[in-house]
């Protein structure tokens, strides 16, 4: 059986895995939290990535646009 914390404190109750898997919202939250480090979101830099100054980011965006416009 799987122990699942219920309420506040150290109270646990046993739940069969099939019951846990049926709770889609809980499973989605667990997967997102567990895999967040391994598969960061596609938008924005991954956690811990070096920060780029806004001015440098503008220059990078401008260079990217110029490169896209060339045949």
C-alpha atoms as a PDB file:
ATOM      1  CA  UNK A   1       0.000   0.000   0.000  1.00  0.00           C
ATOM      2  CA  UNK A   2       0.999   3.586  -0.531  1.00  0.00           C
ATOM      3  CA  UNK A   3       1.006   5.993   2.405  1.00  0.00           C
ATOM      4  CA  UNK A   4      -0.714   9.257   1.603  1.00  0.00           C
ATOM      5  CA  UNK A   5      -0.591  12.209   3.988  1.00  0.00           C
ATOM      6  CA  UNK A   6      -3.990  13.571   4.860  1.00  0.00           C
ATOM      7  CA  UNK A   7      -4.669  16.784   6.701  1.00  0.00           C
ATOM      8  CA  UNK A   8      -2.116  18.615   8.802  1.00  0.00           C
ATOM      9  CA  UNK A   9       0.413  16.837  10.936  1.00  0.00           C
ATOM     10  CA  UNK A  10       1.669  13.292  10.678  1.00  0.00           C
ATOM     11  CA  UNK A  11      -1.594  11.443   9.986  1.00  0.00           C
ATOM     12  CA  UNK A  12      -1.365   8.940   7.126  1.00  0.00           C
ATOM     13  CA  UNK A  13      -3.824   6.541   5.590  1.00  0.00           C
ATOM     14  CA  UNK A  14      -3.124   3.680   3.216  1.00  0.00           C
ATOM     15  CA  UNK A  15      -4.349   4.052  -0.355  1.00  0.00           C
ATOM     16  CA  UNK A  16      -4.069   1.498  -3.155  1.00  0.00           C
ATOM     17  CA  UNK A  17      -2.004   2.711  -6.119  1.00  0.00           C
ATOM     18  CA  UNK A  18      -5.020   2.403  -8.410  1.00  0.00           C
ATOM     19  CA  UNK A  19      -6.844   4.981  -6.276  1.00  0.00           C
ATOM     20  CA  UNK A  20      -3.864   7.350  -6.383  1.00  0.00           C
ATOM     21  CA  UNK A  21      -3.480   6.983 -10.161  1.00  0.00           C
ATOM     22  CA  UNK A  22      -7.173   7.786 -10.665  1.00  0.00           C
ATOM     23  CA  UNK A  23      -6.633  11.209  -9.055  1.00  0.00           C
ATOM     24  CA  UNK A  24      -5.459  12.926 -12.240  1.00  0.00           C
ATOM     25  CA  UNK A  25      -4.887  16.349 -10.672  1.00  0.00           C
ATOM     26  CA  UNK A  26      -2.681  14.899  -7.950  1.00  0.00           C
ATOM     27  CA  UNK A  27      -0.701  12.827 -10.444  1.00  0.00           C
ATOM     28  CA  UNK A  28      -0.204  15.807 -12.777  1.00  0.00           C
ATOM     29  CA  UNK A  29       1.020  17.936  -9.874  1.00  0.00           C
ATOM     30  CA  UNK A  30       3.360  15.178  -8.683  1.00  0.00           C
ATOM     31  CA  UNK A  31       4.781  14.638 -12.179  1.00  0.00           C
ATOM     32  CA  UNK A  32       5.256  18.363 -12.755  1.00  0.00           C
ATOM     33  CA  UNK A  33       7.104  18.808  -9.457  1.00  0.00           C
ATOM     34  CA  UNK A  34       9.145  15.630  -9.824  1.00  0.00           C
ATOM     35  CA  UNK A  35      10.215  16.163 -13.422  1.00  0.00           C
ATOM     36  CA  UNK A  36      10.501  19.961 -13.340  1.00  0.00           C
ATOM     37  CA  UNK A  37      14.285  19.853 -13.025  1.00  0.00           C
ATOM     38  CA  UNK A  38      14.706  17.219 -15.742  1.00  0.00           C
ATOM     39  CA  UNK A  39      12.324  18.826 -18.248  1.00  0.00           C
ATOM     40  CA  UNK A  40      12.107  22.585 -17.680  1.00  0.00           C
ATOM     41  CA  UNK A  41       9.371  24.539 -19.474  1.00  0.00           C
ATOM     42  CA  UNK A  42      10.100  25.467 -23.076  1.00  0.00           C
ATOM     43  CA  UNK A  43       9.394  29.136 -22.447  1.00  0.00           C
ATOM     44  CA  UNK A  44      12.018  31.129 -20.618  1.00  0.00           C
ATOM     45  CA  UNK A  45      15.441  30.081 -19.423  1.00  0.00           C
ATOM     46  CA  UNK A  46      15.813  26.956 -17.307  1.00  0.00           C
ATOM     47  CA  UNK A  47      16.240  27.408 -13.565  1.00  0.00           C
ATOM     48  CA  UNK A  48      19.800  28.386 -12.704  1.00  0.00           C
ATOM     49  CA  UNK A  49      20.587  29.648 -16.213  1.00  0.00           C
ATOM     50  CA  UNK A  50      22.859  32.691 -16.392  1.00  0.00           C
ATOM     51  CA  UNK A  51      21.036  36.001 -16.554  1.00  0.00           C
ATOM     52  CA  UNK A  52      21.383  38.167 -19.677  1.00  0.00           C
ATOM     53  CA  UNK A  53      21.149  41.914 -19.391  1.00  0.00           C
ATOM     54  CA  UNK A  54      18.150  43.488 -21.137  1.00  0.00           C
ATOM     55  CA  UNK A  55      20.480  45.467 -23.434  1.00  0.00           C
ATOM     56  CA  UNK A  56      22.345  42.329 -24.525  1.00  0.00           C
ATOM     57  CA  UNK A  57      19.028  40.539 -25.064  1.00  0.00           C
ATOM     58  CA  UNK A  58      17.885  43.395 -27.349  1.00  0.00           C
ATOM     59  CA  UNK A  59      21.095  43.089 -29.364  1.00  0.00           C
ATOM     60  CA  UNK A  60      20.686  39.309 -29.646  1.00  0.00           C
ATOM     61  CA  UNK A  61      17.070  39.683 -30.778  1.00  0.00           C
ATOM     62  CA  UNK A  62      18.067  42.309 -33.352  1.00  0.00           C
ATOM     63  CA  UNK A  63      20.828  40.073 -34.740  1.00  0.00           C
ATOM     64  CA  UNK A  64      18.444  37.118 -34.899  1.00  0.00           C
ATOM     65  CA  UNK A  65      15.863  39.166 -36.820  1.00  0.00           C
ATOM     66  CA  UNK A  66      18.553  40.413 -39.233  1.00  0.00           C
ATOM     67  CA  UNK A  67      19.671  36.830 -39.850  1.00  0.00           C
ATOM     68  CA  UNK A  68      16.102  35.698 -40.506  1.00  0.00           C
ATOM     69  CA  UNK A  69      15.578  38.458 -43.082  1.00  0.00           C
ATOM     70  CA  UNK A  70      18.563  37.452 -45.230  1.00  0.00           C
ATOM     71  CA  UNK A  71      17.778  35.133 -48.188  1.00  0.00           C
END
